[in-house]
All heavy atoms as atom14 arrays in JSON, in Angstrom:
{
  "sequence": "DPFKAEMQRFTEMIVNMMKSNKLFEPQGGPIIM",
  "atom14_mask": [
    [1, 1, 1, 1, 1, 1, 1, 1, 0, 0, 0, 0, 0, 0],
    [1, 1, 1, 1, 1, 1, 1, 0, 0, 0, 0, 0, 0, 0],
    [1, 1, 1, 1, 1, 1, 1, 1, 1, 1, 1, 0, 0, 0],
    [1, 1, 1, 1, 1, 1, 1, 1, 1, 0, 0, 0, 0, 0],
    [1, 1, 1, 1, 1, 0, 0, 0, 0, 0, 0, 0, 0, 0],
    [1, 1, 1, 1, 1, 1, 1, 1, 1, 0, 0, 0, 0, 0],
    [1, 1, 1, 1, 1, 1, 1, 1, 0, 0, 0, 0, 0, 0],
    [1, 1, 1, 1, 1, 1, 1, 1, 1, 0, 0, 0, 0, 0],
    [1, 1, 1, 1, 1, 1, 1, 1, 1, 1, 1, 0, 0, 0],
    [1, 1, 1, 1, 1, 1, 1, 1, 1, 1, 1, 0, 0, 0],
    [1, 1, 1, 1, 1, 1, 1, 0, 0, 0, 0, 0, 0, 0],
    [1, 1, 1, 1, 1, 1, 1, 1, 1, 0, 0, 0, 0, 0],
    [1, 1, 1, 1, 1, 1, 1, 1, 0, 0, 0, 0, 0, 0],
    [1, 1, 1, 1, 1, 1, 1, 1, 0, 0, 0, 0, 0, 0],
    [1, 1, 1, 1, 1, 1, 1, 0, 0, 0, 0, 0, 0, 0],
    [1, 1, 1, 1, 1, 1, 1, 1, 0, 0, 0, 0, 0, 0],
    [1, 1, 1, 1, 1, 1, 1, 1, 0, 0, 0, 0, 0, 0],
    [1, 1, 1, 1, 1, 1, 1, 1, 0, 0, 0, 0, 0, 0],
    [1, 1, 1, 1, 1, 1, 1, 1, 1, 0, 0, 0, 0, 0],
    [1, 1, 1, 1, 1, 1, 0, 0, 0, 0, 0, 0, 0, 0],
    [1, 1, 1, 1, 1, 1, 1, 1, 0, 0, 0, 0, 0, 0],
    [1, 1, 1, 1, 1, 1, 1, 1, 1, 0, 0, 0, 0, 0],
    [1, 1, 1, 1, 1, 1, 1, 1, 0, 0, 0, 0, 0, 0],
    [1, 1, 1, 1, 1, 1, 1, 1, 1, 1, 1, 0, 0, 0],
    [1, 1, 1, 1, 1, 1, 1, 1, 1, 0, 0, 0, 0, 0],
    [1, 1, 1, 1, 1, 1, 1, 0, 0, 0, 0, 0, 0, 0],
    [1, 1, 1, 1, 1, 1, 1, 1, 1, 0, 0, 0, 0, 0],
    [1, 1, 1, 1, 0, 0, 0, 0, 0, 0, 0, 0, 0, 0],
    [1, 1, 1, 1, 0, 0, 0, 0, 0, 0, 0, 0, 0, 0],
    [1, 1, 1, 1, 1, 1, 1, 0, 0, 0, 0, 0, 0, 0],
    [1, 1, 1, 1, 1, 1, 1, 1, 0, 0, 0, 0, 0, 0],
    [1, 1, 1, 1, 1, 1, 1, 1, 0, 0, 0, 0, 0, 0],
    [1, 1, 1, 1, 1, 1, 1, 1, 0, 0, 0, 0, 0, 0]
  ],
  "atom14_positions": [
    [[1.68, 21.14, -1.19], [1.96, 20.4, 0.05], [0.72, 19.81, 0.71], [0.74, 18.64, 1.12], [2.72, 21.3, 1.02], [4.16, 21.54, 0.59], [4.67, 20.73, -0.22], [4.77, 22.52, 1.05], [0.0, 0.0, 0.0], [0.0, 0.0, 0.0], [0.0, 0.0, 0.0], [0.0, 0.0, 0.0], [0.0, 0.0, 0.0], [0.0, 0.0, 0.0]],
    [[-0.39, 20.56, 0.87], [-1.57, 19.94, 1.49], [-2.08, 18.73, 0.71], [-2.45, 17.71, 1.3], [-2.6, 21.07, 1.5], [-1.79, 22.32, 1.5], [-0.59, 22.01, 0.65], [0.0, 0.0, 0.0], [0.0, 0.0, 0.0], [0.0, 0.0, 0.0], [0.0, 0.0, 0.0], [0.0, 0.0, 0.0], [0.0, 0.0, 0.0], [0.0, 0.0, 0.0]],
    [[-2.08, 18.82, -0.63], [-2.55, 17.69, -1.42], [-1.58, 16.51, -1.31], [-2.0, 15.36, -1.12], [-2.71, 18.08, -2.89], [-3.1, 16.91, -3.76], [-4.39, 16.42, -3.75], [-2.16, 16.29, -4.57], [-4.76, 15.33, -4.54], [-2.52, 15.2, -5.36], [-3.81, 14.73, -5.35], [0.0, 0.0, 0.0], [0.0, 0.0, 0.0], [0.0, 0.0, 0.0]],
    [[-0.3, 16.78, -1.42], [0.69, 15.69, -1.37], [0.64, 14.98, -0.03], [0.8, 13.75, 0.04], [2.09, 16.24, -1.66], [2.29, 16.7, -3.1], [3.74, 16.98, -3.44], [4.32, 18.11, -2.65], [5.71, 18.44, -3.06], [0.0, 0.0, 0.0], [0.0, 0.0, 0.0], [0.0, 0.0, 0.0], [0.0, 0.0, 0.0], [0.0, 0.0, 0.0]],
    [[0.41, 15.73, 1.05], [0.35, 15.1, 2.37], [-0.81, 14.12, 2.45], [-0.67, 13.0, 2.97], [0.22, 16.18, 3.45], [0.0, 0.0, 0.0], [0.0, 0.0, 0.0], [0.0, 0.0, 0.0], [0.0, 0.0, 0.0], [0.0, 0.0, 0.0], [0.0, 0.0, 0.0], [0.0, 0.0, 0.0], [0.0, 0.0, 0.0], [0.0, 0.0, 0.0]],
    [[-1.98, 14.52, 1.93], [-3.15, 13.64, 1.98], [-3.0, 12.47, 1.02], [-3.36, 11.33, 1.36], [-4.42, 14.44, 1.65], [-4.82, 15.44, 2.71], [-5.16, 14.78, 4.04], [-5.68, 13.65, 4.04], [-4.9, 15.4, 5.09], [0.0, 0.0, 0.0], [0.0, 0.0, 0.0], [0.0, 0.0, 0.0], [0.0, 0.0, 0.0], [0.0, 0.0, 0.0]],
    [[-2.46, 12.73, -0.16], [-2.26, 11.65, -1.12], [-1.3, 10.61, -0.57], [-1.54, 9.4, -0.68], [-1.73, 12.2, -2.44], [-1.39, 11.12, -3.46], [-0.53, 11.78, -4.9], [-0.11, 10.28, -5.77], [0.0, 0.0, 0.0], [0.0, 0.0, 0.0], [0.0, 0.0, 0.0], [0.0, 0.0, 0.0], [0.0, 0.0, 0.0], [0.0, 0.0, 0.0]],
    [[-0.2, 11.06, 0.02], [0.78, 10.13, 0.56], [0.2, 9.34, 1.72], [0.42, 8.13, 1.83], [2.03, 10.88, 1.01], [3.12, 9.95, 1.55], [4.45, 10.67, 1.76], [4.59, 11.85, 1.46], [5.43, 9.96, 2.28], [0.0, 0.0, 0.0], [0.0, 0.0, 0.0], [0.0, 0.0, 0.0], [0.0, 0.0, 0.0], [0.0, 0.0, 0.0]],
    [[-0.57, 10.02, 2.57], [-1.16, 9.32, 3.73], [-2.06, 8.18, 3.26], [-1.95, 7.05, 3.78], [-1.97, 10.32, 4.56], [-2.69, 9.69, 5.75], [-3.58, 10.71, 6.45], [-4.6, 11.26, 5.57], [-5.76, 10.64, 5.32], [-6.03, 9.45, 5.88], [-6.64, 11.18, 4.52], [0.0, 0.0, 0.0], [0.0, 0.0, 0.0], [0.0, 0.0, 0.0]],
    [[-2.92, 8.44, 2.27], [-3.83, 7.39, 1.82], [-3.08, 6.28, 1.08], [-3.34, 5.09, 1.29], [-4.91, 7.98, 0.91], [-5.9, 6.95, 0.44], [-6.89, 6.48, 1.29], [-5.84, 6.43, -0.85], [-7.79, 5.51, 0.87], [-6.73, 5.48, -1.28], [-7.72, 5.01, -0.42], [0.0, 0.0, 0.0], [0.0, 0.0, 0.0], [0.0, 0.0, 0.0]],
    [[-2.14, 6.66, 0.22], [-1.36, 5.66, -0.52], [-0.61, 4.75, 0.43], [-0.61, 3.51, 0.28], [-0.39, 6.34, -1.49], [-1.12, 7.19, -2.39], [0.39, 5.32, -2.3], [0.0, 0.0, 0.0], [0.0, 0.0, 0.0], [0.0, 0.0, 0.0], [0.0, 0.0, 0.0], [0.0, 0.0, 0.0], [0.0, 0.0, 0.0], [0.0, 0.0, 0.0]],
    [[0.05, 5.33, 1.43], [0.78, 4.53, 2.41], [-0.16, 3.62, 3.18], [0.19, 2.46, 3.47], [1.54, 5.44, 3.37], [2.76, 6.12, 2.75], [3.48, 7.01, 3.75], [2.9, 7.33, 4.82], [4.64, 7.4, 3.45], [0.0, 0.0, 0.0], [0.0, 0.0, 0.0], [0.0, 0.0, 0.0], [0.0, 0.0, 0.0], [0.0, 0.0, 0.0]],
    [[-1.35, 4.12, 3.51], [-2.3, 3.3, 4.24], [-2.69, 2.06, 3.44], [-2.75, 0.94, 3.97], [-3.54, 4.11, 4.59], [-4.56, 3.33, 5.43], [-6.08, 4.25, 5.72], [-6.79, 4.21, 4.08], [0.0, 0.0, 0.0], [0.0, 0.0, 0.0], [0.0, 0.0, 0.0], [0.0, 0.0, 0.0], [0.0, 0.0, 0.0], [0.0, 0.0, 0.0]],
    [[-2.97, 2.24, 2.14], [-3.36, 1.11, 1.3], [-2.2, 0.13, 1.16], [-2.37, -1.1, 1.29], [-3.84, 1.6, -0.08], [-5.13, 2.42, 0.07], [-4.05, 0.42, -1.02], [-6.29, 1.65, 0.65], [0.0, 0.0, 0.0], [0.0, 0.0, 0.0], [0.0, 0.0, 0.0], [0.0, 0.0, 0.0], [0.0, 0.0, 0.0], [0.0, 0.0, 0.0]],
    [[-0.99, 0.65, 0.91], [0.17, -0.24, 0.77], [0.4, -1.01, 2.06], [0.64, -2.23, 2.05], [1.43, 0.56, 0.37], [2.69, -0.29, 0.53], [1.3, 1.06, -1.06], [0.0, 0.0, 0.0], [0.0, 0.0, 0.0], [0.0, 0.0, 0.0], [0.0, 0.0, 0.0], [0.0, 0.0, 0.0], [0.0, 0.0, 0.0], [0.0, 0.0, 0.0]],
    [[0.32, -0.34, 3.2], [0.54, -1.03, 4.48], [-0.55, -2.06, 4.75], [-0.29, -3.11, 5.34], [0.6, -0.01, 5.61], [1.88, 0.82, 5.57], [2.89, 0.37, 5.03], [1.84, 2.02, 6.12], [0.0, 0.0, 0.0], [0.0, 0.0, 0.0], [0.0, 0.0, 0.0], [0.0, 0.0, 0.0], [0.0, 0.0, 0.0], [0.0, 0.0, 0.0]],
    [[-1.78, -1.77, 4.33], [-2.86, -2.73, 4.48], [-2.58, -3.98, 3.65], [-2.8, -5.12, 4.1], [-4.18, -2.1, 4.06], [-5.39, -3.02, 4.17], [-6.92, -2.22, 3.62], [-7.1, -0.99, 4.91], [0.0, 0.0, 0.0], [0.0, 0.0, 0.0], [0.0, 0.0, 0.0], [0.0, 0.0, 0.0], [0.0, 0.0, 0.0], [0.0, 0.0, 0.0]],
    [[-2.09, -3.78, 2.43], [-1.75, -4.92, 1.59], [-0.6, -5.72, 2.2], [-0.62, -6.96, 2.21], [-1.37, -4.46, 0.18], [-2.47, -3.69, -0.57], [-4.01, -4.62, -0.8], [-5.06, -3.86, 0.47], [0.0, 0.0, 0.0], [0.0, 0.0, 0.0], [0.0, 0.0, 0.0], [0.0, 0.0, 0.0], [0.0, 0.0, 0.0], [0.0, 0.0, 0.0]],
    [[0.39, -5.02, 2.73], [1.53, -5.71, 3.35], [1.09, -6.49, 4.57], [1.51, -7.64, 4.78], [2.61, -4.7, 3.72], [3.4, -4.14, 2.55], [4.48, -3.17, 3.04], [5.33, -2.63, 1.91], [6.36, -1.67, 2.39], [0.0, 0.0, 0.0], [0.0, 0.0, 0.0], [0.0, 0.0, 0.0], [0.0, 0.0, 0.0], [0.0, 0.0, 0.0]],
    [[0.26, -5.89, 5.41], [-0.14, -6.56, 6.65], [-0.96, -7.8, 6.38], [-1.0, -8.72, 7.2], [-0.92, -5.58, 7.55], [-2.15, -5.22, 6.95], [0.0, 0.0, 0.0], [0.0, 0.0, 0.0], [0.0, 0.0, 0.0], [0.0, 0.0, 0.0], [0.0, 0.0, 0.0], [0.0, 0.0, 0.0], [0.0, 0.0, 0.0], [0.0, 0.0, 0.0]],
    [[-1.63, -7.82, 5.22], [-2.4, -9.01, 4.84], [-1.62, -9.93, 3.9], [-2.18, -10.88, 3.36], [-3.71, -8.59, 4.17], [-4.74, -8.09, 5.15], [-5.45, -8.88, 5.76], [-4.81, -6.77, 5.33], [0.0, 0.0, 0.0], [0.0, 0.0, 0.0], [0.0, 0.0, 0.0], [0.0, 0.0, 0.0], [0.0, 0.0, 0.0], [0.0, 0.0, 0.0]],
    [[-0.3, -9.61, 3.72], [0.59, -10.43, 2.89], [0.02, -10.65, 1.49], [-0.06, -11.78, 0.99], [0.88, -11.77, 3.58], [1.66, -11.63, 4.88], [1.95, -12.96, 5.52], [2.96, -12.88, 6.64], [2.87, -11.7, 7.52], [0.0, 0.0, 0.0], [0.0, 0.0, 0.0], [0.0, 0.0, 0.0], [0.0, 0.0, 0.0], [0.0, 0.0, 0.0]],
    [[-0.34, -9.56, 0.85], [-1.0, -9.64, -0.45], [-0.1, -9.3, -1.63], [-0.51, -9.5, -2.78], [-2.25, -8.74, -0.46], [-3.37, -9.18, 0.49], [-4.52, -8.2, 0.47], [-3.85, -10.59, 0.16], [0.0, 0.0, 0.0], [0.0, 0.0, 0.0], [0.0, 0.0, 0.0], [0.0, 0.0, 0.0], [0.0, 0.0, 0.0], [0.0, 0.0, 0.0]],
    [[1.1, -8.78, -1.38], [2.03, -8.58, -2.49], [2.68, -9.91, -2.84], [2.92, -10.76, -1.97], [3.08, -7.54, -2.13], [2.55, -6.13, -2.11], [2.38, -5.45, -0.92], [2.21, -5.49, -3.3], [1.87, -4.15, -0.9], [1.72, -4.2, -3.29], [1.54, -3.53, -2.09], [0.0, 0.0, 0.0], [0.0, 0.0, 0.0], [0.0, 0.0, 0.0]],
    [[2.98, -10.1, -4.09], [3.47, -11.41, -4.57], [4.72, -11.88, -3.84], [4.8, -13.08, -3.51], [3.7, -11.34, -6.09], [3.54, -12.67, -6.8], [4.81, -13.51, -6.74], [5.87, -12.95, -6.41], [4.73, -14.71, -7.04], [0.0, 0.0, 0.0], [0.0, 0.0, 0.0], [0.0, 0.0, 0.0], [0.0, 0.0, 0.0], [0.0, 0.0, 0.0]],
    [[5.7, -11.03, -3.54], [6.87, -11.53, -2.79], [6.52, -12.05, -1.39], [7.3, -12.77, -0.79], [7.77, -10.29, -2.71], [7.41, -9.48, -3.9], [5.93, -9.66, -4.03], [0.0, 0.0, 0.0], [0.0, 0.0, 0.0], [0.0, 0.0, 0.0], [0.0, 0.0, 0.0], [0.0, 0.0, 0.0], [0.0, 0.0, 0.0], [0.0, 0.0, 0.0]],
    [[5.33, -11.69, -0.89], [4.86, -12.2, 0.4], [4.02, -13.46, 0.24], [3.51, -13.99, 1.22], [4.01, -11.15, 1.1], [4.71, -9.84, 1.42], [3.75, -8.82, 1.98], [2.86, -8.33, 1.31], [3.91, -8.53, 3.27], [0.0, 0.0, 0.0], [0.0, 0.0, 0.0], [0.0, 0.0, 0.0], [0.0, 0.0, 0.0], [0.0, 0.0, 0.0]],
    [[3.85, -13.9, -0.99], [2.97, -15.03, -1.26], [1.57, -14.61, -1.68], [0.68, -15.45, -1.81], [0.0, 0.0, 0.0], [0.0, 0.0, 0.0], [0.0, 0.0, 0.0], [0.0, 0.0, 0.0], [0.0, 0.0, 0.0], [0.0, 0.0, 0.0], [0.0, 0.0, 0.0], [0.0, 0.0, 0.0], [0.0, 0.0, 0.0], [0.0, 0.0, 0.0]],
    [[1.37, -13.32, -1.91], [0.06, -12.82, -2.32], [-0.08, -12.7, -3.81], [0.84, -13.03, -4.58], [0.0, 0.0, 0.0], [0.0, 0.0, 0.0], [0.0, 0.0, 0.0], [0.0, 0.0, 0.0], [0.0, 0.0, 0.0], [0.0, 0.0, 0.0], [0.0, 0.0, 0.0], [0.0, 0.0, 0.0], [0.0, 0.0, 0.0], [0.0, 0.0, 0.0]],
    [[-1.22, -12.18, -4.29], [-1.48, -12.15, -5.74], [-1.09, -10.84, -6.42], [-1.12, -10.78, -7.65], [-3.01, -12.33, -5.81], [-3.51, -11.67, -4.56], [-2.44, -11.9, -3.51], [0.0, 0.0, 0.0], [0.0, 0.0, 0.0], [0.0, 0.0, 0.0], [0.0, 0.0, 0.0], [0.0, 0.0, 0.0], [0.0, 0.0, 0.0], [0.0, 0.0, 0.0]],
    [[-0.76, -9.78, -5.69], [-0.52, -8.48, -6.32], [0.85, -8.48, -6.98], [1.88, -8.6, -6.31], [-0.6, -7.33, -5.3], [-1.97, -7.3, -4.63], [-0.34, -5.99, -6.0], [-2.08, -6.29, -3.5], [0.0, 0.0, 0.0], [0.0, 0.0, 0.0], [0.0, 0.0, 0.0], [0.0, 0.0, 0.0], [0.0, 0.0, 0.0], [0.0, 0.0, 0.0]],
    [[0.87, -8.35, -8.3], [2.14, -8.38, -9.04], [2.54, -7.01, -9.57], [3.67, -6.84, -10.04], [2.09, -9.38, -10.21], [0.96, -9.03, -11.17], [1.97, -10.81, -9.69], [1.01, -9.79, -12.48], [0.0, 0.0, 0.0], [0.0, 0.0, 0.0], [0.0, 0.0, 0.0], [0.0, 0.0, 0.0], [0.0, 0.0, 0.0], [0.0, 0.0, 0.0]],
    [[1.62, -6.04, -9.51], [1.92, -4.69, -10.0], [1.04, -3.69, -9.26], [-0.06, -4.04, -8.81], [1.6, -4.57, -11.5], [2.67, -5.05, -12.43], [2.18, -4.77, -14.15], [0.91, -6.01, -14.35], [0.0, 0.0, 0.0], [0.0, 0.0, 0.0], [0.0, 0.0, 0.0], [0.0, 0.0, 0.0], [0.0, 0.0, 0.0], [0.0, 0.0, 0.0]]
  ]
}
């Protein structure tokens, strides 16, 4: 649980950063995978 909590927190932070900058391809960004 302690590891999963920290892993999820960082992963979510990176994904949300990419979303907020519209970097995933469905948002018009370059990230396809």
